[in-house]
Amino acid sequence: MRVALWSLTICAALVLATAGCHATSGKTAGESVDDVTITTKVKSKLAGERFSTLTKIDVDTNRGTVYLTGNVPDENTRQRAAVLAGEVSGVKEVVNNLKLEAPR
């Protein structure tokens, strides 16, 4: 009896927690997991590129749309980051907010 009550309490807590996530972010738990997975894959892809500056790019994902922010040294690097992000499975759109660094 105690085990059944404990299991029911855990299930209720999980339901409330996922409902709370949906209420605060407007996304379901599955969408949140998908976005985290996409962000991780994009970051890994950027880190694997030969341009070391791509690891300094901030990546955020919201409902399959990837937002790239930060500074890069040139236009080629800026475009390459967007292309790499767009190649990741699950990405619906890439918003490239990368800015070019000022020349020194």
C-alpha atoms as a PDB file:
ATOM      1  CA  MET A   1       0.000   0.000   0.000  1.00  0.00           C
ATOM      2  CA  ARG A   2       2.802   2.393   0.875  1.00  0.00           C
ATOM      3  CA  VAL A   3       4.621   1.637  -2.374  1.00  0.00           C
ATOM      4  CA  ALA A   4       1.489   2.315  -4.429  1.00  0.00           C
ATOM      5  CA  LEU A   5       0.882   5.603  -2.617  1.00  0.00           C
ATOM      6  CA  TRP A   6       4.529   6.610  -3.065  1.00  0.00           C
ATOM      7  CA  SER A   7       4.406   5.767  -6.789  1.00  0.00           C
ATOM      8  CA  LEU A   8       1.213   7.755  -7.210  1.00  0.00           C
ATOM      9  CA  THR A   9       2.789  10.737  -5.446  1.00  0.00           C
ATOM     10  CA  ILE A  10       5.848  10.591  -7.721  1.00  0.00           C
ATOM     11  CA  CYS A  11       3.673  10.384 -10.846  1.00  0.00           C
ATOM     12  CA  ALA A  12       1.560  13.337  -9.708  1.00  0.00           C
ATOM     13  CA  ALA A  13       4.691  15.388  -9.033  1.00  0.00           C
ATOM     14  CA  LEU A  14       6.051  14.621 -12.512  1.00  0.00           C
ATOM     15  CA  VAL A  15       2.762  15.579 -14.158  1.00  0.00           C
ATOM     16  CA  LEU A  16       2.678  18.859 -12.252  1.00  0.00           C
ATOM     17  CA  ALA A  17       6.323  19.569 -13.056  1.00  0.00           C
ATOM     18  CA  THR A  18       5.867  19.070 -16.787  1.00  0.00           C
ATOM     19  CA  ALA A  19       2.650  21.079 -16.744  1.00  0.00           C
ATOM     20  CA  GLY A  20       4.529  23.839 -14.948  1.00  0.00           C
ATOM     21  CA  CYS A  21       7.223  23.824 -17.616  1.00  0.00           C
ATOM     22  CA  HIS A  22       4.596  24.230 -20.299  1.00  0.00           C
ATOM     23  CA  ALA A  23       2.950  27.072 -18.418  1.00  0.00           C
ATOM     24  CA  THR A  24       6.157  29.068 -17.940  1.00  0.00           C
ATOM     25  CA  SER A  25       7.857  28.530 -21.295  1.00  0.00           C
ATOM     26  CA  GLY A  26       4.891  27.784 -23.527  1.00  0.00           C
ATOM     27  CA  LYS A  27       6.667  24.622 -24.682  1.00  0.00           C
ATOM     28  CA  THR A  28       5.894  21.028 -23.892  1.00  0.00           C
ATOM     29  CA  ALA A  29       8.494  18.917 -22.120  1.00  0.00           C
ATOM     30  CA  GLY A  30       9.207  17.152 -25.430  1.00  0.00           C
ATOM     31  CA  GLU A  31       9.819  20.449 -27.225  1.00  0.00           C
ATOM     32  CA  SER A  32      12.195  21.523 -24.471  1.00  0.00           C
ATOM     33  CA  VAL A  33      14.154  18.274 -24.757  1.00  0.00           C
ATOM     34  CA  ASP A  34      14.275  18.603 -28.557  1.00  0.00           C
ATOM     35  CA  ASP A  35      15.601  22.162 -28.295  1.00  0.00           C
ATOM     36  CA  VAL A  36      18.302  21.133 -25.825  1.00  0.00           C
ATOM     37  CA  THR A  37      19.308  18.270 -28.113  1.00  0.00           C
ATOM     38  CA  ILE A  38      19.501  20.577 -31.146  1.00  0.00           C
ATOM     39  CA  THR A  39      21.555  23.143 -29.211  1.00  0.00           C
ATOM     40  CA  THR A  40      23.993  20.446 -28.095  1.00  0.00           C
ATOM     41  CA  LYS A  41      24.365  19.075 -31.638  1.00  0.00           C
ATOM     42  CA  VAL A  42      24.919  22.556 -33.113  1.00  0.00           C
ATOM     43  CA  LYS A  43      27.558  23.374 -30.470  1.00  0.00           C
ATOM     44  CA  SER A  44      29.321  20.069 -31.154  1.00  0.00           C
ATOM     45  CA  LYS A  45      29.284  20.708 -34.893  1.00  0.00           C
ATOM     46  CA  LEU A  46      30.712  24.203 -34.413  1.00  0.00           C
ATOM     47  CA  ALA A  47      33.379  22.903 -32.023  1.00  0.00           C
ATOM     48  CA  GLY A  48      34.454  20.305 -34.580  1.00  0.00           C
ATOM     49  CA  GLU A  49      35.059  22.946 -37.244  1.00  0.00           C
ATOM     50  CA  ARG A  50      38.597  24.129 -37.929  1.00  0.00           C
ATOM     51  CA  PHE A  51      37.745  27.727 -37.027  1.00  0.00           C
ATOM     52  CA  SER A  52      38.499  27.959 -33.302  1.00  0.00           C
ATOM     53  CA  THR A  53      36.331  31.088 -33.045  1.00  0.00           C
ATOM     54  CA  LEU A  54      33.194  29.030 -33.682  1.00  0.00           C
ATOM     55  CA  THR A  55      33.423  27.678 -30.137  1.00  0.00           C
ATOM     56  CA  LYS A  56      32.831  31.228 -28.857  1.00  0.00           C
ATOM     57  CA  ILE A  57      29.412  31.444 -30.516  1.00  0.00           C
ATOM     58  CA  ASP A  58      26.362  31.362 -28.259  1.00  0.00           C
ATOM     59  CA  VAL A  59      23.686  28.940 -29.479  1.00  0.00           C
ATOM     60  CA  ASP A  60      20.073  29.026 -28.312  1.00  0.00           C
ATOM     61  CA  THR A  61      17.185  27.011 -29.735  1.00  0.00           C
ATOM     62  CA  ASN A  62      13.475  27.701 -29.458  1.00  0.00           C
ATOM     63  CA  ARG A  63      11.025  25.319 -31.131  1.00  0.00           C
ATOM     64  CA  GLY A  64      13.566  24.256 -33.734  1.00  0.00           C
ATOM     65  CA  THR A  65      14.781  27.764 -34.557  1.00  0.00           C
ATOM     66  CA  VAL A  66      18.475  28.191 -33.788  1.00  0.00           C
ATOM     67  CA  TYR A  67      19.750  31.618 -32.754  1.00  0.00           C
ATOM     68  CA  LEU A  68      23.468  32.293 -33.195  1.00  0.00           C
ATOM     69  CA  THR A  69      24.968  35.253 -31.318  1.00  0.00           C
ATOM     70  CA  GLY A  70      28.470  36.484 -30.660  1.00  0.00           C
ATOM     71  CA  ASN A  71      31.377  37.949 -32.580  1.00  0.00           C
ATOM     72  CA  VAL A  72      33.341  36.393 -35.414  1.00  0.00           C
ATOM     73  CA  PRO A  73      36.409  37.677 -37.276  1.00  0.00           C
ATOM     74  CA  ASP A  74      35.014  37.701 -40.826  1.00  0.00           C
ATOM     75  CA  GLU A  75      31.992  37.186 -43.057  1.00  0.00           C
ATOM     76  CA  ASN A  76      33.123  33.707 -44.186  1.00  0.00           C
ATOM     77  CA  THR A  77      33.142  32.485 -40.587  1.00  0.00           C
ATOM     78  CA  ARG A  78      29.747  34.083 -39.984  1.00  0.00           C
ATOM     79  CA  GLN A  79      28.230  32.313 -42.988  1.00  0.00           C
ATOM     80  CA  ARG A  80      29.949  29.003 -42.216  1.00  0.00           C
ATOM     81  CA  ALA A  81      28.467  28.939 -38.702  1.00  0.00           C
ATOM     82  CA  ALA A  82      24.959  29.384 -40.117  1.00  0.00           C
ATOM     83  CA  VAL A  83      25.487  26.628 -42.687  1.00  0.00           C
ATOM     84  CA  LEU A  84      26.751  24.203 -40.042  1.00  0.00           C
ATOM     85  CA  ALA A  85      23.825  24.974 -37.742  1.00  0.00           C
ATOM     86  CA  GLY A  86      21.365  24.432 -40.585  1.00  0.00           C
ATOM     87  CA  GLU A  87      22.803  20.968 -41.271  1.00  0.00           C
ATOM     88  CA  VAL A  88      21.756  19.653 -37.851  1.00  0.00           C
ATOM     89  CA  SER A  89      18.729  17.383 -37.819  1.00  0.00           C
ATOM     90  CA  GLY A  90      15.636  19.060 -36.395  1.00  0.00           C
ATOM     91  CA  VAL A  91      16.679  22.629 -37.202  1.00  0.00           C
ATOM     92  CA  LYS A  92      13.790  24.452 -38.866  1.00  0.00           C
ATOM     93  CA  GLU A  93      15.444  27.846 -39.228  1.00  0.00           C
ATOM     94  CA  VAL A  94      18.702  29.608 -38.355  1.00  0.00           C
ATOM     95  CA  VAL A  95      18.705  33.216 -37.176  1.00  0.00           C
ATOM     96  CA  ASN A  96      22.233  34.479 -37.637  1.00  0.00           C
ATOM     97  CA  ASN A  97      22.840  37.365 -35.227  1.00  0.00           C
ATOM     98  CA  LEU A  98      26.619  37.011 -35.413  1.00  0.00           C
ATOM     99  CA  LYS A  99      28.480  40.282 -35.627  1.00  0.00           C
ATOM    100  CA  LEU A 100      31.842  40.961 -37.220  1.00  0.00           C
ATOM    101  CA  GLU A 101      34.625  41.923 -34.840  1.00  0.00           C
ATOM    102  CA  ALA A 102      36.019  45.378 -35.292  1.00  0.00           C
ATOM    103  CA  PRO A 103      39.419  45.373 -37.030  1.00  0.00           C
ATOM    104  CA  ARG A 104      42.352  45.834 -34.682  1.00  0.00           C
END
